[in-house]
Amino acid sequence: MLEELAAAHLPADILGRLDSAAGVITKTASRRVLGVMNDMAMHIELATFDAGGLALLDANVLNRSLRRGLHGHGRDYATPLELVLERVYGDRETARRLARHPRIESRLDDVPDGDSD
C-alpha cells in the first residue's frame, strides 16, 4: 500500500495509520459497494481478455488502471484519488483540482495531521 501511495505522490500517512493485520473481509448489503465491485470485476475480465489471459496480465498496470477509473459517488463520479483528497480537504473541487495535478505532493503541505474522520 505504501508503494501505491508513493506512486501517486501522496504522503504515507494521508489515510491515517494503516495496519494490514487489522483488515477484515466481510459481506456487504450496500448496493453502492456491490455496484463498484461488479464494475471492477468487468474491467478485470476485459483487461484479462485483452492481455491474452491471466498469465500475461500485468497486475501493476491493471491495479493502476482500477485506481484511476471513475466510480459512481452519489449523483457524481470520482476517482479513488479524488475521494481520498476530498476526505482530507473536505472540499470536492479542491480534491479534483489536486487529483489532476501531475505531481501533487508539493500541494499537500497543508494536509491536517492525524486521522481525518
C-alpha atoms as a PDB file:
ATOM      1  CA  MET A   1       0.000   0.000   0.000  1.00  0.00           C
ATOM      2  CA  LEU A   2       2.790   2.433   0.837  1.00  0.00           C
ATOM      3  CA  GLU A   3       4.329   1.907  -2.592  1.00  0.00           C
ATOM      4  CA  GLU A   4       0.993   2.722  -4.224  1.00  0.00           C
ATOM      5  CA  LEU A   5       0.666   5.943  -2.206  1.00  0.00           C
ATOM      6  CA  ALA A   6       4.212   6.925  -3.154  1.00  0.00           C
ATOM      7  CA  ALA A   7       3.470   6.190  -6.822  1.00  0.00           C
ATOM      8  CA  ALA A   8       0.547   8.625  -6.585  1.00  0.00           C
ATOM      9  CA  HIS A   9       2.863  11.176  -4.901  1.00  0.00           C
ATOM     10  CA  LEU A  10       0.873  11.021  -1.671  1.00  0.00           C
ATOM     11  CA  PRO A  11       2.328  11.062   1.841  1.00  0.00           C
ATOM     12  CA  ALA A  12       2.342   7.659   3.558  1.00  0.00           C
ATOM     13  CA  ASP A  13       0.047   8.876   6.352  1.00  0.00           C
ATOM     14  CA  ILE A  14      -2.647  10.504   4.184  1.00  0.00           C
ATOM     15  CA  LEU A  15      -5.154   7.774   5.123  1.00  0.00           C
ATOM     16  CA  GLY A  16      -4.115   7.712   8.769  1.00  0.00           C
ATOM     17  CA  ARG A  17      -2.308   4.775  10.332  1.00  0.00           C
ATOM     18  CA  LEU A  18      -2.562   1.700   8.126  1.00  0.00           C
ATOM     19  CA  ASP A  19      -2.389  -1.749   9.723  1.00  0.00           C
ATOM     20  CA  SER A  20      -2.582  -4.624   7.257  1.00  0.00           C
ATOM     21  CA  ALA A  21      -3.180  -7.078  10.115  1.00  0.00           C
ATOM     22  CA  ALA A  22      -6.348  -5.194  11.076  1.00  0.00           C
ATOM     23  CA  GLY A  23      -8.058  -5.795   7.724  1.00  0.00           C
ATOM     24  CA  VAL A  24     -11.261  -7.807   7.780  1.00  0.00           C
ATOM     25  CA  ILE A  25     -13.117  -9.416   4.900  1.00  0.00           C
ATOM     26  CA  THR A  26     -16.871  -9.444   5.335  1.00  0.00           C
ATOM     27  CA  LYS A  27     -20.126  -9.410   3.408  1.00  0.00           C
ATOM     28  CA  THR A  28     -21.923  -6.247   2.379  1.00  0.00           C
ATOM     29  CA  ALA A  29     -25.521  -5.432   1.570  1.00  0.00           C
ATOM     30  CA  SER A  30     -24.580  -1.996   0.207  1.00  0.00           C
ATOM     31  CA  ARG A  31     -25.815  -1.660  -3.359  1.00  0.00           C
ATOM     32  CA  ARG A  32     -23.195   1.009  -3.967  1.00  0.00           C
ATOM     33  CA  VAL A  33     -20.331  -1.252  -2.856  1.00  0.00           C
ATOM     34  CA  LEU A  34     -21.708  -4.171  -4.852  1.00  0.00           C
ATOM     35  CA  GLY A  35     -22.061  -1.951  -7.923  1.00  0.00           C
ATOM     36  CA  VAL A  36     -18.440  -0.799  -7.691  1.00  0.00           C
ATOM     37  CA  MET A  37     -17.288  -4.394  -7.174  1.00  0.00           C
ATOM     38  CA  ASN A  38     -19.259  -5.579 -10.220  1.00  0.00           C
ATOM     39  CA  ASP A  39     -17.880  -2.714 -12.300  1.00  0.00           C
ATOM     40  CA  MET A  40     -14.312  -3.543 -11.240  1.00  0.00           C
ATOM     41  CA  ALA A  41     -14.893  -7.250 -11.981  1.00  0.00           C
ATOM     42  CA  MET A  42     -15.990  -6.350 -15.514  1.00  0.00           C
ATOM     43  CA  HIS A  43     -12.873  -4.196 -16.039  1.00  0.00           C
ATOM     44  CA  ILE A  44     -10.645  -7.004 -14.728  1.00  0.00           C
ATOM     45  CA  GLU A  45     -12.313  -9.525 -17.035  1.00  0.00           C
ATOM     46  CA  LEU A  46     -11.851  -7.248 -20.063  1.00  0.00           C
ATOM     47  CA  ALA A  47      -8.223  -6.473 -19.161  1.00  0.00           C
ATOM     48  CA  THR A  48      -7.509 -10.191 -18.764  1.00  0.00           C
ATOM     49  CA  PHE A  49      -9.053 -10.909 -22.159  1.00  0.00           C
ATOM     50  CA  ASP A  50      -7.135  -8.027 -23.811  1.00  0.00           C
ATOM     51  CA  ALA A  51      -3.842  -9.256 -22.289  1.00  0.00           C
ATOM     52  CA  GLY A  52      -4.338 -12.720 -23.770  1.00  0.00           C
ATOM     53  CA  GLY A  53      -5.024 -14.440 -20.469  1.00  0.00           C
ATOM     54  CA  LEU A  54      -4.300 -14.177 -16.780  1.00  0.00           C
ATOM     55  CA  ALA A  55      -0.687 -15.364 -17.177  1.00  0.00           C
ATOM     56  CA  LEU A  56       0.053 -12.404 -19.488  1.00  0.00           C
ATOM     57  CA  LEU A  57      -1.794  -9.773 -17.455  1.00  0.00           C
ATOM     58  CA  ASP A  58       0.397  -7.125 -15.799  1.00  0.00           C
ATOM     59  CA  ALA A  59      -1.188  -6.809 -12.350  1.00  0.00           C
ATOM     60  CA  ASN A  60       0.530  -3.478 -11.635  1.00  0.00           C
ATOM     61  CA  VAL A  61      -0.876  -1.899 -14.802  1.00  0.00           C
ATOM     62  CA  LEU A  62      -4.323  -3.292 -14.001  1.00  0.00           C
ATOM     63  CA  ASN A  63      -4.157  -2.005 -10.423  1.00  0.00           C
ATOM     64  CA  ARG A  64      -3.190   1.484 -11.584  1.00  0.00           C
ATOM     65  CA  SER A  65      -5.995   1.448 -14.133  1.00  0.00           C
ATOM     66  CA  LEU A  66      -8.547   0.452 -11.496  1.00  0.00           C
ATOM     67  CA  ARG A  67      -7.355   3.233  -9.168  1.00  0.00           C
ATOM     68  CA  ARG A  68      -7.642   5.816 -11.946  1.00  0.00           C
ATOM     69  CA  GLY A  69     -11.090   4.714 -13.091  1.00  0.00           C
ATOM     70  CA  LEU A  70     -14.258   6.625 -12.341  1.00  0.00           C
ATOM     71  CA  HIS A  71     -16.662   5.242  -9.770  1.00  0.00           C
ATOM     72  CA  GLY A  72     -20.227   6.310  -9.077  1.00  0.00           C
ATOM     73  CA  HIS A  73     -20.358   8.502  -5.990  1.00  0.00           C
ATOM     74  CA  GLY A  74     -23.882   9.615  -5.242  1.00  0.00           C
ATOM     75  CA  ARG A  75     -25.046  11.539  -8.286  1.00  0.00           C
ATOM     76  CA  ASP A  76     -21.485  12.191  -9.367  1.00  0.00           C
ATOM     77  CA  TYR A  77     -18.405  10.237 -10.459  1.00  0.00           C
ATOM     78  CA  ALA A  78     -14.960  10.414  -8.901  1.00  0.00           C
ATOM     79  CA  THR A  79     -11.658   8.581  -8.993  1.00  0.00           C
ATOM     80  CA  PRO A  80     -10.410   6.903  -5.799  1.00  0.00           C
ATOM     81  CA  LEU A  81      -7.672   9.565  -5.587  1.00  0.00           C
ATOM     82  CA  GLU A  82     -10.281  12.336  -5.676  1.00  0.00           C
ATOM     83  CA  LEU A  83     -12.219  10.638  -2.877  1.00  0.00           C
ATOM     84  CA  VAL A  84      -9.103  10.418  -0.683  1.00  0.00           C
ATOM     85  CA  LEU A  85      -8.272  14.079  -1.272  1.00  0.00           C
ATOM     86  CA  GLU A  86     -11.890  15.102  -0.638  1.00  0.00           C
ATOM     87  CA  ARG A  87     -11.778  13.276   2.679  1.00  0.00           C
ATOM     88  CA  VAL A  88      -8.553  15.083   3.631  1.00  0.00           C
ATOM     89  CA  TYR A  89      -9.579  18.563   2.475  1.00  0.00           C
ATOM     90  CA  GLY A  90     -13.347  18.336   2.919  1.00  0.00           C
ATOM     91  CA  ASP A  91     -13.834  20.051  -0.424  1.00  0.00           C
ATOM     92  CA  ARG A  92     -14.648  18.253  -3.683  1.00  0.00           C
ATOM     93  CA  GLU A  93     -13.411  20.993  -6.024  1.00  0.00           C
ATOM     94  CA  THR A  94     -10.026  21.226  -4.287  1.00  0.00           C
ATOM     95  CA  ALA A  95      -9.764  17.436  -4.429  1.00  0.00           C
ATOM     96  CA  ARG A  96     -10.495  17.387  -8.159  1.00  0.00           C
ATOM     97  CA  ARG A  97      -8.003  20.152  -8.867  1.00  0.00           C
ATOM     98  CA  LEU A  98      -5.262  18.411  -6.870  1.00  0.00           C
ATOM     99  CA  ALA A  99      -6.021  14.983  -8.368  1.00  0.00           C
ATOM    100  CA  ARG A 100      -5.430  16.389 -11.857  1.00  0.00           C
ATOM    101  CA  HIS A 101      -2.053  17.860 -10.881  1.00  0.00           C
ATOM    102  CA  PRO A 102       0.738  15.581 -12.209  1.00  0.00           C
ATOM    103  CA  ARG A 103       2.778  15.780  -9.000  1.00  0.00           C
ATOM    104  CA  ILE A 104       0.539  16.658  -6.112  1.00  0.00           C
ATOM    105  CA  GLU A 105       2.912  16.019  -3.194  1.00  0.00           C
ATOM    106  CA  SER A 106       4.100  19.638  -3.263  1.00  0.00           C
ATOM    107  CA  ARG A 107       0.491  20.736  -2.794  1.00  0.00           C
ATOM    108  CA  LEU A 108      -0.118  18.512   0.219  1.00  0.00           C
ATOM    109  CA  ASP A 109       1.879  20.607   2.693  1.00  0.00           C
ATOM    110  CA  ASP A 110      -1.327  21.747   4.403  1.00  0.00           C
ATOM    111  CA  VAL A 111      -2.754  18.250   4.921  1.00  0.00           C
ATOM    112  CA  PRO A 112      -4.003  18.029   8.513  1.00  0.00           C
ATOM    113  CA  ASP A 113      -2.030  15.813  10.882  1.00  0.00           C
ATOM    114  CA  GLY A 114      -3.596  12.638  12.246  1.00  0.00           C
ATOM    115  CA  ASP A 115      -6.759  10.911  11.159  1.00  0.00           C
ATOM    116  CA  SER A 116      -9.294  12.873   9.116  1.00  0.00           C
ATOM    117  CA  ASP A 117     -12.520  11.097  10.082  1.00  0.00           C
END
